[in-house]
Amino acid sequence: MAEPKYRIRSLHTDSTVTVYQAYSPEIGLPAARDGRFPGTWKRDRMTWIKPSFLWMMYRCGWGSKAGQETVLAVEISRAGFEWALEHACLSHYERGLHADRATWKRQLKRAPARVQWDPERDLHLRPLDHRSLQLGLAGEAARLYADEWTVSITDITSLAHTIHAHVQDGHLETARQLLPNECPYPLAEGDLAHLRR
């Protein structure tokens, strides 16, 4: 069965969903050690969270890019995640979805979260036909994410490096078995209608 173009796939439990971010060690290491983001984490700036492990690997180069050397798995409450989706605006104007460009700009300015759909990636980080969610959090959403929604923070840099090494060695099945088990996230039909291109 073909994968739908727009679907949230994630590692999740009945009460939490895991998203990924990558930071410099100065932020990532204390965050993982303490299970919360440090005071140096700027709560007044937009932060982007990704439920797709492989899209995060594409973004951070398996934890090799400057300022993204520490890869974090951040477990957050599903209630918070769904609040962000409910209050999000699509990151770009889409004819037919928005009344007009001015209306979309007003919505974007007010929204505490924004959604962007980017091509999902395979183990070689090549783009696939279906899309993965990026969720940008700003203002109230960023503060809630850091201080209320976060349940745990785990440093998974070594996992990223191990999977990458297997891919480089051509051991794709071994690499695949180490990937997080990302399944379709259970949302009611129509819950993402305002966030699809």
N, C-alpha and C. Protein backbone atom coordinates (compact mmCIF):
# COMPACT_ATOMS: atom_id res chain seq x y z
N MET A 1 0.84 -1.20 0.00
CA MET A 1 0.00 0.00 0.00
C MET A 1 0.88 1.25 0.00
N ALA A 2 0.58 2.19 -0.88
CA ALA A 2 1.39 3.40 -1.01
C ALA A 2 1.29 4.26 0.25
N GLU A 3 2.40 4.87 0.59
CA GLU A 3 2.44 5.77 1.74
C GLU A 3 1.75 7.08 1.37
N PRO A 4 0.81 7.56 2.21
CA PRO A 4 0.18 8.87 1.92
C PRO A 4 1.23 9.97 1.88
N LYS A 5 1.00 10.96 1.04
CA LYS A 5 1.98 12.03 0.90
C LYS A 5 2.15 12.79 2.20
N TYR A 6 1.05 13.04 2.91
CA TYR A 6 1.12 13.79 4.16
C TYR A 6 0.63 12.90 5.30
N ARG A 7 1.54 12.52 6.15
CA ARG A 7 1.18 11.72 7.32
C ARG A 7 2.26 11.93 8.37
N ILE A 8 1.83 12.08 9.61
CA ILE A 8 2.79 12.15 10.71
C ILE A 8 3.13 10.73 11.13
N ARG A 9 4.41 10.42 11.06
CA ARG A 9 4.92 9.13 11.54
C ARG A 9 5.85 9.43 12.70
N SER A 10 5.69 8.68 13.80
CA SER A 10 6.48 9.00 14.98
C SER A 10 6.61 7.79 15.89
N LEU A 11 7.58 7.86 16.76
CA LEU A 11 7.69 6.95 17.89
C LEU A 11 6.80 7.55 18.97
N HIS A 12 5.75 6.82 19.39
CA HIS A 12 4.85 7.39 20.39
C HIS A 12 4.28 6.30 21.29
N THR A 13 3.81 6.74 22.44
CA THR A 13 3.13 5.88 23.39
C THR A 13 1.71 6.42 23.56
N ASP A 14 0.98 5.89 24.52
CA ASP A 14 -0.37 6.39 24.77
C ASP A 14 -0.37 7.84 25.24
N SER A 15 0.75 8.29 25.83
CA SER A 15 0.75 9.63 26.41
C SER A 15 1.85 10.55 25.88
N THR A 16 2.82 10.00 25.13
CA THR A 16 3.94 10.83 24.68
C THR A 16 4.24 10.59 23.21
N VAL A 17 4.97 11.55 22.63
CA VAL A 17 5.49 11.41 21.27
C VAL A 17 6.94 11.89 21.31
N THR A 18 7.80 11.20 20.57
CA THR A 18 9.21 11.55 20.55
C THR A 18 9.53 12.39 19.32
N VAL A 19 10.21 13.50 19.55
CA VAL A 19 10.66 14.37 18.47
C VAL A 19 12.17 14.53 18.60
N TYR A 20 12.79 15.01 17.53
CA TYR A 20 14.25 15.07 17.48
C TYR A 20 14.72 16.49 17.22
N GLN A 21 15.84 16.82 17.86
CA GLN A 21 16.52 18.09 17.63
C GLN A 21 18.01 17.84 17.75
N ALA A 22 18.81 18.75 17.24
CA ALA A 22 20.26 18.65 17.38
C ALA A 22 20.81 20.02 17.79
N TYR A 23 21.73 19.98 18.74
CA TYR A 23 22.28 21.21 19.32
C TYR A 23 23.80 21.10 19.48
N SER A 24 24.40 22.21 19.79
CA SER A 24 25.80 22.19 20.21
C SER A 24 25.90 21.47 21.55
N PRO A 25 27.05 20.90 21.88
CA PRO A 25 27.20 20.23 23.17
C PRO A 25 26.89 21.14 24.35
N GLU A 26 27.11 22.44 24.20
CA GLU A 26 26.87 23.37 25.31
C GLU A 26 25.40 23.39 25.72
N ILE A 27 24.52 23.11 24.80
CA ILE A 27 23.08 23.05 25.11
C ILE A 27 22.62 21.59 25.22
N GLY A 28 23.04 20.76 24.28
CA GLY A 28 22.55 19.39 24.23
C GLY A 28 22.95 18.53 25.42
N LEU A 29 24.19 18.65 25.85
CA LEU A 29 24.64 17.78 26.94
C LEU A 29 23.95 18.08 28.27
N PRO A 30 23.87 19.35 28.70
CA PRO A 30 23.12 19.61 29.93
C PRO A 30 21.64 19.30 29.82
N ALA A 31 21.06 19.47 28.63
CA ALA A 31 19.65 19.14 28.45
C ALA A 31 19.42 17.65 28.69
N ALA A 32 20.29 16.81 28.12
CA ALA A 32 20.15 15.37 28.31
C ALA A 32 20.47 14.97 29.75
N ARG A 33 21.44 15.61 30.35
CA ARG A 33 21.82 15.29 31.73
C ARG A 33 20.71 15.61 32.71
N ASP A 34 20.08 16.77 32.52
CA ASP A 34 19.09 17.24 33.49
C ASP A 34 17.66 16.91 33.09
N GLY A 35 17.45 16.47 31.85
CA GLY A 35 16.10 16.15 31.41
C GLY A 35 15.25 17.38 31.14
N ARG A 36 15.88 18.51 31.00
CA ARG A 36 15.17 19.75 30.66
C ARG A 36 16.15 20.70 29.99
N PHE A 37 15.61 21.65 29.21
CA PHE A 37 16.49 22.56 28.51
C PHE A 37 17.09 23.59 29.48
N PRO A 38 18.37 23.88 29.32
CA PRO A 38 19.04 24.81 30.25
C PRO A 38 18.58 26.23 30.05
N GLY A 39 18.97 27.08 30.98
CA GLY A 39 18.59 28.49 30.91
C GLY A 39 19.11 29.19 29.67
N THR A 40 20.20 28.65 29.09
CA THR A 40 20.77 29.27 27.89
C THR A 40 19.94 28.96 26.64
N TRP A 41 19.01 28.01 26.75
CA TRP A 41 18.12 27.70 25.62
C TRP A 41 17.12 28.84 25.49
N LYS A 42 17.09 29.48 24.35
CA LYS A 42 16.32 30.72 24.19
C LYS A 42 14.84 30.41 23.97
N ARG A 43 14.06 30.71 24.96
CA ARG A 43 12.62 30.45 24.90
C ARG A 43 11.85 31.48 24.10
N ASP A 44 12.51 32.54 23.68
CA ASP A 44 11.84 33.57 22.90
C ASP A 44 12.13 33.44 21.40
N ARG A 45 12.79 32.33 21.00
CA ARG A 45 13.08 32.11 19.59
C ARG A 45 12.33 30.88 19.09
N MET A 46 12.09 30.84 17.78
CA MET A 46 11.42 29.67 17.21
C MET A 46 12.35 28.47 17.25
N THR A 47 11.79 27.32 17.61
CA THR A 47 12.53 26.07 17.58
C THR A 47 11.74 25.07 16.77
N TRP A 48 12.44 24.26 16.00
CA TRP A 48 11.79 23.29 15.11
C TRP A 48 11.99 21.88 15.64
N ILE A 49 10.89 21.15 15.76
CA ILE A 49 10.96 19.77 16.22
C ILE A 49 10.53 18.85 15.08
N LYS A 50 11.13 17.66 15.04
CA LYS A 50 10.91 16.73 13.94
C LYS A 50 10.59 15.35 14.50
N PRO A 51 9.42 14.78 14.19
CA PRO A 51 9.13 13.41 14.62
C PRO A 51 9.87 12.35 13.80
N SER A 52 10.47 12.74 12.68
CA SER A 52 11.19 11.79 11.83
C SER A 52 12.67 11.75 12.17
N PHE A 53 13.15 10.59 12.62
CA PHE A 53 14.57 10.42 12.94
C PHE A 53 15.43 10.65 11.70
N LEU A 54 15.07 10.05 10.57
CA LEU A 54 15.92 10.17 9.39
C LEU A 54 15.91 11.58 8.81
N TRP A 55 14.78 12.30 8.94
CA TRP A 55 14.82 13.68 8.49
C TRP A 55 15.76 14.49 9.37
N MET A 56 15.77 14.20 10.68
CA MET A 56 16.70 14.88 11.56
C MET A 56 18.14 14.55 11.19
N MET A 57 18.40 13.29 10.81
CA MET A 57 19.76 12.92 10.40
C MET A 57 20.17 13.68 9.13
N TYR A 58 19.22 13.87 8.23
CA TYR A 58 19.50 14.67 7.04
C TYR A 58 19.83 16.11 7.44
N ARG A 59 19.06 16.65 8.37
CA ARG A 59 19.24 18.05 8.76
C ARG A 59 20.58 18.27 9.47
N CYS A 60 20.97 17.32 10.31
CA CYS A 60 22.19 17.53 11.13
C CYS A 60 23.40 16.75 10.60
N GLY A 61 23.23 16.05 9.48
CA GLY A 61 24.36 15.29 8.94
C GLY A 61 24.84 14.21 9.87
N TRP A 62 23.88 13.47 10.43
CA TRP A 62 24.20 12.41 11.41
C TRP A 62 24.98 12.97 12.61
N GLY A 63 24.69 14.21 12.97
CA GLY A 63 25.35 14.82 14.13
C GLY A 63 26.75 15.32 13.83
N SER A 64 27.00 15.65 12.56
CA SER A 64 28.35 16.11 12.19
C SER A 64 28.42 17.60 11.88
N LYS A 65 27.27 18.26 11.70
CA LYS A 65 27.29 19.67 11.34
C LYS A 65 27.61 20.54 12.55
N ALA A 66 28.28 21.65 12.30
CA ALA A 66 28.65 22.56 13.38
C ALA A 66 27.41 23.07 14.09
N GLY A 67 27.44 23.01 15.41
CA GLY A 67 26.31 23.46 16.21
C GLY A 67 25.20 22.44 16.32
N GLN A 68 25.38 21.26 15.71
CA GLN A 68 24.36 20.21 15.76
C GLN A 68 25.00 18.86 16.11
N GLU A 69 26.05 18.90 16.90
CA GLU A 69 26.81 17.68 17.19
C GLU A 69 26.15 16.78 18.22
N THR A 70 25.20 17.32 18.98
CA THR A 70 24.51 16.52 20.00
C THR A 70 23.07 16.32 19.56
N VAL A 71 22.73 15.07 19.26
CA VAL A 71 21.39 14.74 18.76
C VAL A 71 20.53 14.29 19.93
N LEU A 72 19.37 14.91 20.07
CA LEU A 72 18.49 14.64 21.20
C LEU A 72 17.17 14.02 20.74
N ALA A 73 16.73 13.03 21.51
CA ALA A 73 15.36 12.52 21.39
C ALA A 73 14.58 13.14 22.54
N VAL A 74 13.60 13.96 22.22
CA VAL A 74 12.83 14.68 23.24
C VAL A 74 11.43 14.09 23.29
N GLU A 75 11.12 13.47 24.41
CA GLU A 75 9.80 12.89 24.60
C GLU A 75 8.89 13.96 25.20
N ILE A 76 7.80 14.27 24.48
CA ILE A 76 6.88 15.31 24.94
C ILE A 76 5.48 14.72 25.06
N SER A 77 4.64 15.44 25.77
CA SER A 77 3.27 14.95 25.95
C SER A 77 2.51 15.02 24.64
N ARG A 78 1.69 14.03 24.40
CA ARG A 78 0.84 14.06 23.21
C ARG A 78 -0.14 15.23 23.29
N ALA A 79 -0.58 15.56 24.48
CA ALA A 79 -1.50 16.69 24.63
C ALA A 79 -0.84 17.97 24.14
N GLY A 80 0.42 18.18 24.48
CA GLY A 80 1.14 19.36 24.02
C GLY A 80 1.37 19.35 22.52
N PHE A 81 1.76 18.20 22.01
CA PHE A 81 2.00 18.05 20.57
C PHE A 81 0.74 18.36 19.77
N GLU A 82 -0.38 17.84 20.23
CA GLU A 82 -1.64 18.06 19.51
C GLU A 82 -2.14 19.50 19.68
N TRP A 83 -1.84 20.12 20.82
CA TRP A 83 -2.17 21.53 20.99
C TRP A 83 -1.42 22.36 19.95
N ALA A 84 -0.14 22.04 19.76
CA ALA A 84 0.66 22.78 18.79
C ALA A 84 0.11 22.59 17.38
N LEU A 85 -0.28 21.38 17.03
CA LEU A 85 -0.85 21.14 15.70
C LEU A 85 -2.15 21.91 15.52
N GLU A 86 -2.98 21.91 16.55
CA GLU A 86 -4.27 22.58 16.47
C GLU A 86 -4.11 24.08 16.28
N HIS A 87 -3.05 24.65 16.88
CA HIS A 87 -2.84 26.09 16.83
C HIS A 87 -1.81 26.51 15.78
N ALA A 88 -1.45 25.59 14.90
CA ALA A 88 -0.42 25.87 13.90
C ALA A 88 -1.00 26.46 12.62
N CYS A 89 -0.12 27.10 11.89
CA CYS A 89 -0.44 27.63 10.56
C CYS A 89 0.59 27.06 9.59
N LEU A 90 0.19 26.77 8.38
CA LEU A 90 1.12 26.30 7.37
C LEU A 90 2.17 27.38 7.13
N SER A 91 3.42 26.99 6.96
CA SER A 91 4.52 27.96 6.89
C SER A 91 4.56 28.75 5.59
N HIS A 92 3.77 28.37 4.60
CA HIS A 92 3.74 29.11 3.35
C HIS A 92 2.30 29.27 2.88
N TYR A 93 2.07 30.25 2.04
CA TYR A 93 0.74 30.50 1.49
C TYR A 93 0.40 29.42 0.47
N GLU A 94 -0.82 28.92 0.54
CA GLU A 94 -1.30 27.91 -0.40
C GLU A 94 -2.66 28.33 -0.95
N ARG A 95 -2.70 28.60 -2.24
CA ARG A 95 -3.95 28.97 -2.90
C ARG A 95 -4.98 27.85 -2.74
N GLY A 96 -6.20 28.19 -2.36
CA GLY A 96 -7.23 27.19 -2.16
C GLY A 96 -7.35 26.73 -0.72
N LEU A 97 -6.24 26.81 0.01
CA LEU A 97 -6.28 26.48 1.43
C LEU A 97 -6.51 27.74 2.25
N HIS A 98 -5.87 28.83 1.87
CA HIS A 98 -6.03 30.12 2.53
C HIS A 98 -6.89 31.03 1.66
N ALA A 99 -7.69 31.86 2.30
CA ALA A 99 -8.59 32.77 1.57
C ALA A 99 -7.80 33.66 0.61
N ASP A 100 -6.70 34.21 1.10
CA ASP A 100 -5.81 35.01 0.27
C ASP A 100 -4.49 35.17 1.03
N ARG A 101 -3.50 35.76 0.36
CA ARG A 101 -2.17 35.86 0.96
C ARG A 101 -2.19 36.72 2.23
N ALA A 102 -2.96 37.78 2.23
CA ALA A 102 -3.01 38.66 3.40
C ALA A 102 -3.61 37.93 4.60
N THR A 103 -4.65 37.13 4.37
CA THR A 103 -5.26 36.35 5.45
C THR A 103 -4.26 35.36 6.02
N TRP A 104 -3.52 34.68 5.12
CA TRP A 104 -2.49 33.73 5.58
C TRP A 104 -1.42 34.44 6.41
N LYS A 105 -0.98 35.61 5.98
CA LYS A 105 0.05 36.33 6.72
C LYS A 105 -0.43 36.70 8.12
N ARG A 106 -1.70 37.08 8.23
CA ARG A 106 -2.25 37.39 9.56
C ARG A 106 -2.29 36.14 10.44
N GLN A 107 -2.71 35.04 9.85
CA GLN A 107 -2.75 33.79 10.60
C GLN A 107 -1.35 33.37 11.05
N LEU A 108 -0.40 33.49 10.14
CA LEU A 108 0.98 33.10 10.46
C LEU A 108 1.55 33.95 11.59
N LYS A 109 1.25 35.23 11.56
CA LYS A 109 1.78 36.14 12.58
C LYS A 109 1.21 35.82 13.96
N ARG A 110 -0.06 35.40 14.01
CA ARG A 110 -0.71 35.10 15.29
C ARG A 110 -0.38 33.70 15.81
N ALA A 111 -0.11 32.78 14.91
CA ALA A 111 0.01 31.37 15.30
C ALA A 111 1.26 31.12 16.13
N PRO A 112 1.14 30.39 17.25
CA PRO A 112 2.30 30.05 18.06
C PRO A 112 3.10 28.88 17.48
N ALA A 113 2.57 28.25 16.43
CA ALA A 113 3.26 27.12 15.81
C ALA A 113 3.04 27.18 14.30
N ARG A 114 3.98 26.60 13.57
CA ARG A 114 3.82 26.52 12.12
C ARG A 114 4.29 25.16 11.63
N VAL A 115 3.67 24.73 10.55
CA VAL A 115 3.93 23.40 9.99
C VAL A 115 4.61 23.53 8.64
N GLN A 116 5.60 22.68 8.45
CA GLN A 116 6.28 22.58 7.16
C GLN A 116 6.39 21.09 6.82
N TRP A 117 6.11 20.74 5.58
CA TRP A 117 6.22 19.35 5.13
C TRP A 117 7.43 19.24 4.21
N ASP A 118 8.35 18.37 4.58
CA ASP A 118 9.56 18.17 3.79
C ASP A 118 9.69 16.70 3.39
N PRO A 119 10.36 16.41 2.27
CA PRO A 119 10.48 15.01 1.85
C PRO A 119 11.12 14.15 2.94
N GLU A 120 10.46 13.02 3.23
CA GLU A 120 11.06 12.03 4.12
C GLU A 120 12.33 11.51 3.47
N ARG A 121 13.20 10.91 4.24
CA ARG A 121 14.51 10.46 3.76
C ARG A 121 14.68 8.96 3.96
N ASP A 122 15.49 8.35 3.08
CA ASP A 122 15.84 6.95 3.28
C ASP A 122 17.16 6.87 4.05
N LEU A 123 17.70 5.67 4.21
CA LEU A 123 18.93 5.51 5.00
C LEU A 123 20.13 6.24 4.39
N HIS A 124 20.07 6.48 3.10
CA HIS A 124 21.14 7.26 2.46
C HIS A 124 20.82 8.75 2.46
N LEU A 125 19.73 9.10 3.13
CA LEU A 125 19.25 10.48 3.26
C LEU A 125 18.80 11.07 1.93
N ARG A 126 18.42 10.20 1.00
CA ARG A 126 17.84 10.64 -0.27
C ARG A 126 16.36 10.92 -0.07
N PRO A 127 15.81 11.92 -0.78
CA PRO A 127 14.39 12.26 -0.59
C PRO A 127 13.47 11.17 -1.13
N LEU A 128 12.37 10.95 -0.41
CA LEU A 128 11.33 10.03 -0.81
C LEU A 128 10.12 10.81 -1.31
N ASP A 129 9.13 10.12 -1.84
CA ASP A 129 7.97 10.81 -2.41
C ASP A 129 7.04 11.37 -1.34
N HIS A 130 7.00 10.74 -0.16
CA HIS A 130 6.09 11.23 0.88
C HIS A 130 6.81 12.20 1.80
N ARG A 131 6.02 12.92 2.59
CA ARG A 131 6.54 14.05 3.35
C ARG A 131 6.57 13.78 4.85
N SER A 132 7.48 14.47 5.52
CA SER A 132 7.58 14.42 6.98
C SER A 132 7.30 15.78 7.57
N LEU A 133 6.76 15.76 8.75
CA LEU A 133 6.38 16.98 9.45
C LEU A 133 7.57 17.63 10.13
N GLN A 134 7.66 18.94 9.96
CA GLN A 134 8.47 19.78 10.84
C GLN A 134 7.51 20.72 11.54
N LEU A 135 7.67 20.87 12.82
CA LEU A 135 6.76 21.72 13.60
C LEU A 135 7.58 22.82 14.27
N GLY A 136 7.35 24.05 13.85
CA GLY A 136 8.04 25.19 14.43
C GLY A 136 7.26 25.76 15.60
N LEU A 137 7.94 25.97 16.70
CA LEU A 137 7.30 26.47 17.92
C LEU A 137 7.89 27.82 18.28
N ALA A 138 7.03 28.79 18.50
CA ALA A 138 7.48 30.14 18.87
C ALA A 138 6.62 30.66 20.00
N GLY A 139 7.12 31.69 20.69
CA GLY A 139 6.33 32.34 21.73
C GLY A 139 5.82 31.37 22.77
N GLU A 140 4.51 31.38 22.97
CA GLU A 140 3.89 30.53 23.98
C GLU A 140 4.21 29.06 23.75
N ALA A 141 4.19 28.61 22.50
CA ALA A 141 4.44 27.20 22.21
C ALA A 141 5.86 26.79 22.58
N ALA A 142 6.84 27.64 22.29
CA ALA A 142 8.23 27.31 22.64
C ALA A 142 8.40 27.21 24.14
N ARG A 143 7.78 28.13 24.88
CA ARG A 143 7.90 28.08 26.34
C ARG A 143 7.21 26.84 26.92
N LEU A 144 6.04 26.52 26.38
CA LEU A 144 5.34 25.32 26.85
C LEU A 144 6.14 24.07 26.54
N TYR A 145 6.71 24.01 25.36
CA TYR A 145 7.53 22.87 24.96
C TYR A 145 8.68 22.66 25.94
N ALA A 146 9.41 23.72 26.24
CA ALA A 146 10.59 23.60 27.08
C ALA A 146 10.24 23.34 28.54
N ASP A 147 9.18 23.94 29.03
CA ASP A 147 8.94 23.95 30.48
C ASP A 147 7.77 23.10 30.95
N GLU A 148 6.88 22.69 30.03
CA GLU A 148 5.72 21.91 30.46
C GLU A 148 5.54 20.60 29.69
N TRP A 149 5.73 20.63 28.38
CA TRP A 149 5.45 19.43 27.59
C TRP A 149 6.55 18.37 27.69
N THR A 150 7.78 18.79 27.92
CA THR A 150 8.90 17.86 27.89
C THR A 150 8.84 16.87 29.04
N VAL A 151 8.88 15.59 28.69
CA VAL A 151 8.85 14.51 29.68
C VAL A 151 10.26 13.97 29.92
N SER A 152 11.04 13.81 28.86
CA SER A 152 12.42 13.33 29.00
C SER A 152 13.23 13.79 27.81
N ILE A 153 14.55 13.88 28.00
CA ILE A 153 15.48 14.23 26.93
C ILE A 153 16.63 13.23 26.98
N THR A 154 16.90 12.59 25.85
CA THR A 154 17.93 11.56 25.78
C THR A 154 18.94 11.91 24.69
N ASP A 155 20.21 11.80 25.02
CA ASP A 155 21.27 12.00 24.04
C ASP A 155 21.39 10.73 23.19
N ILE A 156 21.05 10.84 21.90
CA ILE A 156 21.12 9.68 21.02
C ILE A 156 22.20 9.86 19.95
N THR A 157 23.19 10.68 20.25
CA THR A 157 24.27 10.92 19.28
C THR A 157 24.98 9.63 18.93
N SER A 158 25.27 8.80 19.91
CA SER A 158 25.97 7.54 19.63
C SER A 158 25.14 6.63 18.74
N LEU A 159 23.83 6.62 18.94
CA LEU A 159 22.95 5.83 18.07
C LEU A 159 23.02 6.35 16.64
N ALA A 160 22.97 7.65 16.47
CA ALA A 160 23.07 8.24 15.14
C ALA A 160 24.37 7.84 14.46
N HIS A 161 25.47 7.91 15.20
CA HIS A 161 26.78 7.56 14.63
C HIS A 161 26.85 6.07 14.28
N THR A 162 26.26 5.23 15.13
CA THR A 162 26.29 3.79 14.88
C THR A 162 25.49 3.44 13.62
N ILE A 163 24.30 4.00 13.50
CA ILE A 163 23.48 3.73 12.31
C ILE A 163 24.20 4.23 11.06
N HIS A 164 24.78 5.41 11.15
CA HIS A 164 25.51 5.98 10.00
C HIS A 164 26.67 5.07 9.60
N ALA A 165 27.40 4.55 10.57
CA ALA A 165 28.53 3.66 10.27
C ALA A 165 28.05 2.41 9.54
N HIS A 166 26.92 1.85 9.98
CA HIS A 166 26.38 0.67 9.29
C HIS A 166 25.98 1.01 7.86
N VAL A 167 25.39 2.18 7.66
CA VAL A 167 25.01 2.60 6.31
C VAL A 167 26.26 2.73 5.44
N GLN A 168 27.30 3.36 5.97
CA GLN A 168 28.54 3.53 5.21
C GLN A 168 29.17 2.20 4.85
N ASP A 169 29.02 1.21 5.73
CA ASP A 169 29.59 -0.12 5.49
C ASP A 169 28.71 -0.99 4.60
N GLY A 170 27.54 -0.46 4.24
CA GLY A 170 26.64 -1.22 3.39
C GLY A 170 25.76 -2.20 4.13
N HIS A 171 25.73 -2.12 5.47
CA HIS A 171 24.92 -3.02 6.28
C HIS A 171 23.55 -2.38 6.53
N LEU A 172 22.76 -2.27 5.48
CA LEU A 172 21.53 -1.50 5.57
C LEU A 172 20.49 -2.17 6.47
N GLU A 173 20.40 -3.49 6.45
CA GLU A 173 19.41 -4.16 7.28
C GLU A 173 19.75 -3.99 8.76
N THR A 174 21.03 -4.07 9.10
CA THR A 174 21.46 -3.84 10.48
C THR A 174 21.12 -2.41 10.89
N ALA A 175 21.39 -1.46 10.00
CA ALA A 175 21.06 -0.06 10.28
C ALA A 175 19.56 0.11 10.47
N ARG A 176 18.80 -0.51 9.60
CA ARG A 176 17.34 -0.38 9.65
C ARG A 176 16.77 -0.91 10.97
N GLN A 177 17.33 -1.97 11.47
CA GLN A 177 16.84 -2.57 12.71
C GLN A 177 17.07 -1.67 13.92
N LEU A 178 18.01 -0.72 13.80
CA LEU A 178 18.30 0.20 14.91
C LEU A 178 17.46 1.47 14.87
N LEU A 179 16.72 1.68 13.78
CA LEU A 179 15.92 2.89 13.68
C LEU A 179 14.77 2.88 14.69
N PRO A 180 14.38 4.04 15.18
CA PRO A 180 13.18 4.12 16.03
C PRO A 180 11.96 3.59 15.27
N ASN A 181 11.05 2.97 15.98
CA ASN A 181 9.85 2.39 15.38
C ASN A 181 8.80 3.47 15.18
N GLU A 182 8.87 4.15 14.05
CA GLU A 182 7.95 5.25 13.77
C GLU A 182 6.72 4.73 13.04
N CYS A 183 5.57 4.90 13.68
CA CYS A 183 4.28 4.43 13.15
C CYS A 183 3.39 5.64 12.87
N PRO A 184 2.35 5.44 12.06
CA PRO A 184 1.41 6.55 11.82
C PRO A 184 0.86 7.08 13.14
N TYR A 185 0.90 8.40 13.29
CA TYR A 185 0.40 9.02 14.51
C TYR A 185 -1.12 9.09 14.44
N PRO A 186 -1.82 8.64 15.48
CA PRO A 186 -3.29 8.55 15.41
C PRO A 186 -3.98 9.90 15.59
N LEU A 187 -4.35 10.50 14.47
CA LEU A 187 -5.15 11.71 14.47
C LEU A 187 -6.46 11.42 13.76
N ALA A 188 -7.51 12.09 14.18
CA ALA A 188 -8.79 11.91 13.52
C ALA A 188 -8.72 12.45 12.10
N GLU A 189 -9.47 11.83 11.20
CA GLU A 189 -9.50 12.29 9.82
C GLU A 189 -9.92 13.77 9.77
N GLY A 190 -9.17 14.55 9.08
CA GLY A 190 -9.48 15.97 8.96
C GLY A 190 -8.71 16.86 9.92
N ASP A 191 -8.01 16.26 10.92
CA ASP A 191 -7.29 17.07 11.90
C ASP A 191 -6.14 17.85 11.26
N LEU A 192 -5.61 17.37 10.12
CA LEU A 192 -4.51 18.05 9.47
C LEU A 192 -4.95 18.81 8.21
N ALA A 193 -6.26 18.89 8.00
CA ALA A 193 -6.75 19.48 6.77
C ALA A 193 -6.27 20.92 6.59
N HIS A 194 -6.13 21.66 7.70
CA HIS A 194 -5.71 23.07 7.61
C HIS A 194 -4.20 23.20 7.47
N LEU A 195 -3.48 22.05 7.45
CA LEU A 195 -2.03 22.09 7.45
C LEU A 195 -1.43 21.33 6.28
N ARG A 196 -2.24 20.95 5.31
CA ARG A 196 -1.74 20.24 4.15
C ARG A 196 -1.65 21.19 2.96
N ARG A 197 -0.69 20.95 2.09
CA ARG A 197 -0.54 21.77 0.88
C ARG A 197 -1.67 21.47 -0.07
